[in-house]
N, C-alpha and C. Protein backbone atom coordinates (compact mmCIF):
# COMPACT_ATOMS: atom_id res chain seq x y z
N MET A 1 -40.50 -65.08 -77.19
CA MET A 1 -39.99 -65.19 -78.51
C MET A 1 -40.50 -65.19 -79.58
N ARG A 2 -40.50 -64.29 -80.58
CA ARG A 2 -41.28 -63.90 -81.96
C ARG A 2 -40.15 -64.59 -83.09
N ILE A 3 -40.38 -65.93 -84.12
CA ILE A 3 -39.51 -66.16 -85.02
C ILE A 3 -41.06 -66.14 -86.35
N ARG A 4 -40.57 -65.45 -87.35
CA ARG A 4 -41.16 -65.39 -88.53
C ARG A 4 -40.19 -65.54 -89.64
N ARG A 5 -40.90 -66.63 -90.60
CA ARG A 5 -39.98 -66.83 -91.59
C ARG A 5 -40.80 -67.06 -92.78
N ASN A 6 -40.60 -66.33 -94.13
CA ASN A 6 -41.48 -66.60 -95.44
C ASN A 6 -41.05 -67.87 -95.84
N HIS A 7 -42.01 -68.24 -97.00
CA HIS A 7 -41.71 -69.53 -97.74
C HIS A 7 -42.34 -69.34 -98.81
N LYS A 8 -42.48 -70.17 -99.86
CA LYS A 8 -42.93 -70.85 -101.19
C LYS A 8 -43.37 -72.03 -101.47
N LEU A 9 -43.62 -72.68 -99.92
CA LEU A 9 -44.18 -74.02 -100.09
C LEU A 9 -45.71 -74.40 -100.32
N GLY A 10 -46.80 -73.62 -99.57
CA GLY A 10 -47.94 -73.53 -99.89
C GLY A 10 -48.32 -73.91 -98.67
N ILE A 11 -49.68 -73.49 -98.41
CA ILE A 11 -50.10 -73.53 -96.41
C ILE A 11 -50.33 -75.55 -96.30
N GLU A 12 -50.36 -75.84 -97.31
CA GLU A 12 -50.50 -77.53 -97.18
C GLU A 12 -49.51 -78.17 -96.71
N GLU A 13 -48.06 -77.50 -97.55
CA GLU A 13 -47.06 -78.50 -97.18
C GLU A 13 -46.41 -77.33 -95.72
N ALA A 14 -46.46 -76.49 -95.90
CA ALA A 14 -46.09 -75.77 -94.63
C ALA A 14 -46.48 -76.60 -93.22
N LYS A 15 -47.94 -76.75 -93.10
CA LYS A 15 -48.38 -76.93 -92.23
C LYS A 15 -47.85 -78.59 -91.73
N ILE A 16 -47.31 -79.35 -92.94
CA ILE A 16 -46.61 -80.84 -92.81
C ILE A 16 -45.12 -80.33 -92.20
N ARG A 17 -44.41 -79.30 -92.44
CA ARG A 17 -43.39 -79.40 -92.58
C ARG A 17 -43.38 -78.78 -90.47
N ALA A 18 -44.21 -77.69 -90.28
CA ALA A 18 -45.16 -77.33 -88.88
C ALA A 18 -44.95 -78.47 -87.89
N SER A 19 -45.67 -79.27 -88.43
CA SER A 19 -45.94 -80.86 -87.91
C SER A 19 -44.61 -81.09 -87.36
N HIS A 20 -43.78 -81.39 -88.05
CA HIS A 20 -42.07 -82.31 -87.71
C HIS A 20 -41.78 -81.28 -86.98
N ILE A 21 -41.78 -79.78 -87.15
CA ILE A 21 -41.25 -78.87 -86.01
C ILE A 21 -41.58 -79.36 -85.18
N ALA A 22 -42.99 -79.30 -84.56
CA ALA A 22 -43.57 -79.43 -83.35
C ALA A 22 -42.96 -80.58 -83.13
N GLU A 23 -43.24 -81.93 -83.80
CA GLU A 23 -43.04 -83.01 -83.41
C GLU A 23 -41.62 -83.33 -82.57
N THR A 24 -40.66 -82.57 -83.15
CA THR A 24 -39.00 -82.61 -82.89
C THR A 24 -38.92 -81.74 -81.66
N LEU A 25 -39.44 -80.47 -81.76
CA LEU A 25 -39.69 -80.07 -80.22
C LEU A 25 -39.96 -80.82 -79.22
N GLY A 26 -41.53 -81.21 -79.18
CA GLY A 26 -42.15 -81.99 -78.28
C GLY A 26 -40.43 -83.29 -77.54
N LYS A 27 -40.34 -83.86 -78.65
CA LYS A 27 -39.32 -84.59 -78.32
C LYS A 27 -38.43 -83.73 -77.31
N GLN A 28 -37.83 -83.34 -77.70
CA GLN A 28 -36.71 -82.75 -77.28
C GLN A 28 -37.31 -81.71 -75.75
N TYR A 29 -38.43 -81.01 -75.80
CA TYR A 29 -38.37 -80.41 -74.93
C TYR A 29 -39.85 -81.20 -73.99
N ALA A 30 -40.66 -82.22 -74.27
CA ALA A 30 -41.61 -82.56 -73.81
C ALA A 30 -43.07 -82.11 -73.98
N LEU A 31 -43.05 -81.95 -74.72
CA LEU A 31 -44.65 -80.69 -75.25
C LEU A 31 -45.81 -81.50 -75.99
N ASP A 32 -46.80 -81.00 -75.69
CA ASP A 32 -47.74 -81.48 -76.77
C ASP A 32 -48.42 -80.59 -77.56
N SER A 33 -48.89 -80.94 -78.76
CA SER A 33 -49.18 -79.98 -79.77
C SER A 33 -50.65 -80.49 -80.39
N HIS A 34 -51.20 -79.41 -80.69
CA HIS A 34 -52.41 -79.69 -81.59
C HIS A 34 -52.60 -78.48 -82.63
N TRP A 35 -53.59 -78.82 -83.30
CA TRP A 35 -53.74 -78.26 -84.76
C TRP A 35 -55.54 -77.10 -84.24
N HIS A 36 -55.24 -76.05 -84.57
CA HIS A 36 -56.58 -75.37 -84.51
C HIS A 36 -57.05 -74.79 -85.46
N GLY A 37 -57.33 -75.04 -86.50
CA GLY A 37 -57.28 -74.72 -87.98
C GLY A 37 -55.86 -74.27 -88.39
N ASP A 38 -55.37 -73.26 -88.82
CA ASP A 38 -53.77 -72.91 -89.38
C ASP A 38 -52.90 -72.59 -87.84
N ARG A 39 -53.12 -72.92 -86.92
CA ARG A 39 -52.41 -72.78 -85.81
C ARG A 39 -51.87 -73.84 -85.47
N LEU A 40 -51.02 -74.18 -84.77
CA LEU A 40 -50.51 -75.24 -84.28
C LEU A 40 -50.05 -74.82 -82.87
N VAL A 41 -50.69 -75.21 -81.76
CA VAL A 41 -50.53 -75.12 -80.32
C VAL A 41 -50.08 -75.55 -80.06
N VAL A 42 -48.59 -75.55 -78.68
CA VAL A 42 -47.62 -76.31 -78.07
C VAL A 42 -47.50 -75.73 -76.97
N ASP A 43 -47.95 -76.63 -75.97
CA ASP A 43 -47.17 -76.24 -74.51
C ASP A 43 -46.88 -77.14 -73.85
N GLY A 44 -46.27 -77.10 -72.99
CA GLY A 44 -45.45 -78.49 -72.05
C GLY A 44 -45.25 -77.52 -70.62
N HIS A 45 -44.35 -77.90 -69.95
CA HIS A 45 -43.79 -77.26 -68.54
C HIS A 45 -42.39 -76.43 -69.26
N GLY A 46 -43.48 -75.29 -68.49
CA GLY A 46 -42.42 -73.84 -68.75
C GLY A 46 -42.12 -73.70 -69.88
N VAL A 47 -43.01 -73.69 -71.13
CA VAL A 47 -43.09 -73.47 -72.37
C VAL A 47 -44.87 -73.62 -72.70
N ASN A 48 -45.07 -72.36 -73.23
CA ASN A 48 -46.29 -72.70 -74.07
C ASN A 48 -46.06 -71.72 -75.66
N GLY A 49 -46.95 -71.77 -76.71
CA GLY A 49 -46.81 -71.34 -77.83
C GLY A 49 -47.64 -71.53 -78.88
N HIS A 50 -47.75 -70.65 -79.64
CA HIS A 50 -47.97 -71.23 -81.23
C HIS A 50 -47.47 -70.87 -82.44
N LEU A 51 -48.22 -71.57 -83.45
CA LEU A 51 -47.24 -71.82 -84.73
C LEU A 51 -48.30 -71.40 -86.03
N ASP A 52 -48.83 -70.36 -86.32
CA ASP A 52 -49.20 -69.83 -86.93
C ASP A 52 -48.65 -70.00 -88.56
N VAL A 53 -49.62 -71.06 -89.64
CA VAL A 53 -49.03 -71.21 -90.55
C VAL A 53 -50.06 -70.11 -91.83
N ALA A 54 -49.49 -69.57 -92.86
CA ALA A 54 -49.91 -68.89 -94.04
C ALA A 54 -49.54 -69.45 -94.59
N GLU A 55 -50.10 -69.01 -96.20
CA GLU A 55 -49.91 -69.46 -97.52
C GLU A 55 -48.48 -68.93 -97.90
N ASP A 56 -48.15 -68.36 -97.12
CA ASP A 56 -46.49 -68.06 -97.61
C ASP A 56 -45.53 -67.60 -96.44
N SER A 57 -45.86 -67.83 -95.44
CA SER A 57 -45.22 -67.78 -94.18
C SER A 57 -45.58 -68.69 -92.96
N ILE A 58 -44.78 -68.50 -92.37
CA ILE A 58 -44.87 -68.92 -90.41
C ILE A 58 -44.55 -67.94 -89.28
N GLU A 59 -45.28 -67.96 -88.63
CA GLU A 59 -44.42 -67.34 -87.46
C GLU A 59 -45.06 -67.69 -86.14
N MET A 60 -44.08 -68.18 -84.89
CA MET A 60 -43.93 -68.87 -83.89
C MET A 60 -44.07 -68.27 -83.10
N VAL A 61 -44.33 -68.42 -81.94
CA VAL A 61 -44.67 -67.04 -80.88
C VAL A 61 -44.43 -68.36 -79.60
N VAL A 62 -42.93 -68.30 -78.93
CA VAL A 62 -43.28 -69.15 -77.61
C VAL A 62 -42.65 -68.68 -76.49
N LYS A 63 -43.28 -68.81 -75.33
CA LYS A 63 -42.88 -68.07 -74.35
C LYS A 63 -42.91 -69.07 -73.47
N LEU A 64 -41.42 -68.70 -72.70
CA LEU A 64 -40.63 -69.61 -71.78
C LEU A 64 -41.01 -69.76 -70.15
N GLY A 65 -41.38 -70.46 -69.27
CA GLY A 65 -41.20 -70.38 -68.40
C GLY A 65 -39.71 -69.48 -67.58
N PHE A 66 -39.75 -69.09 -66.33
CA PHE A 66 -38.83 -68.66 -65.57
C PHE A 66 -37.04 -69.15 -65.98
N ALA A 67 -37.47 -70.60 -65.52
CA ALA A 67 -36.11 -71.33 -65.79
C ALA A 67 -35.58 -71.72 -67.24
N LEU A 68 -36.60 -71.76 -67.75
CA LEU A 68 -36.02 -72.18 -69.48
C LEU A 68 -35.54 -70.42 -70.15
N ARG A 69 -36.24 -69.40 -69.43
CA ARG A 69 -35.96 -68.22 -69.78
C ARG A 69 -34.04 -68.02 -69.97
N LEU A 70 -33.60 -68.61 -68.66
CA LEU A 70 -32.56 -68.51 -68.76
C LEU A 70 -31.34 -69.13 -69.72
N MET A 71 -31.87 -69.63 -70.69
CA MET A 71 -31.43 -70.42 -71.90
C MET A 71 -32.10 -70.49 -73.38
N GLU A 72 -32.73 -68.76 -73.04
CA GLU A 72 -33.47 -68.55 -74.31
C GLU A 72 -32.55 -68.36 -75.64
N VAL A 73 -31.55 -67.93 -75.63
CA VAL A 73 -30.54 -67.67 -76.44
C VAL A 73 -29.99 -68.92 -77.47
N PRO A 74 -29.47 -70.26 -76.74
CA PRO A 74 -29.25 -71.59 -77.66
C PRO A 74 -30.67 -72.01 -77.62
N ILE A 75 -31.90 -71.60 -77.11
CA ILE A 75 -33.10 -72.83 -77.40
C ILE A 75 -33.61 -71.42 -78.82
N ARG A 76 -33.51 -70.25 -78.75
CA ARG A 76 -34.17 -69.85 -80.09
C ARG A 76 -33.31 -70.28 -81.22
N ASN A 77 -31.90 -70.21 -80.68
CA ASN A 77 -30.81 -70.26 -82.15
C ASN A 77 -31.46 -72.35 -82.46
N ALA A 78 -31.45 -73.01 -81.94
CA ALA A 78 -31.95 -74.42 -81.88
C ALA A 78 -33.28 -74.36 -82.79
N ILE A 79 -34.42 -73.33 -82.44
CA ILE A 79 -35.07 -73.61 -83.04
C ILE A 79 -35.45 -72.79 -84.56
N GLU A 80 -34.60 -71.73 -84.50
CA GLU A 80 -34.59 -70.91 -85.83
C GLU A 80 -33.89 -71.78 -86.69
N SER A 81 -32.96 -72.40 -86.35
CA SER A 81 -31.97 -73.77 -87.16
C SER A 81 -33.01 -74.73 -87.66
N MET A 82 -33.67 -74.83 -87.14
CA MET A 82 -34.89 -76.29 -87.48
C MET A 82 -35.89 -75.51 -88.30
N VAL A 83 -36.66 -74.25 -87.98
CA VAL A 83 -37.48 -73.86 -88.90
C VAL A 83 -36.67 -73.64 -90.16
N ASP A 84 -35.68 -72.93 -90.06
CA ASP A 84 -34.60 -72.70 -91.48
C ASP A 84 -34.57 -74.21 -92.38
N ASP A 85 -34.25 -75.09 -91.87
CA ASP A 85 -33.96 -76.23 -92.30
C ASP A 85 -35.04 -76.98 -92.74
N GLU A 86 -36.24 -76.86 -92.23
CA GLU A 86 -37.49 -77.40 -92.30
C GLU A 86 -38.14 -76.68 -93.52
N LEU A 87 -37.90 -75.33 -93.26
CA LEU A 87 -38.52 -74.44 -94.88
C LEU A 87 -37.73 -74.34 -95.96
N ALA A 88 -36.71 -74.92 -95.83
CA ALA A 88 -35.55 -74.64 -97.36
C ALA A 88 -36.29 -75.35 -98.45
C-alpha cells in the first residue's frame, strides 16, 4: 500500500512526526524502525516498508505479508488516520 500526504511542516518537523508514527505503529504491530537519510525504514514479522520525508510531503510504502493482507483495509484506515493526525 502507498500513502502520500503533503504538509507544510518542513523536513525536520516532518521527520519528528514520522518517528512518532513509526513508534506508535511499532507498538501496535511489533515493528522496528531506523533512519537512513530522509527515509524511515520499518520492518517486522509480516510487514516491511519505508516512509520518505521531503520538505513538503511524506510518502509511506508498506508491504504486508499474506496474513496481514487479509486486514489491509482496516490497517490502511488506521495508518491514514494516524498520518493525518500527525501532520495536522
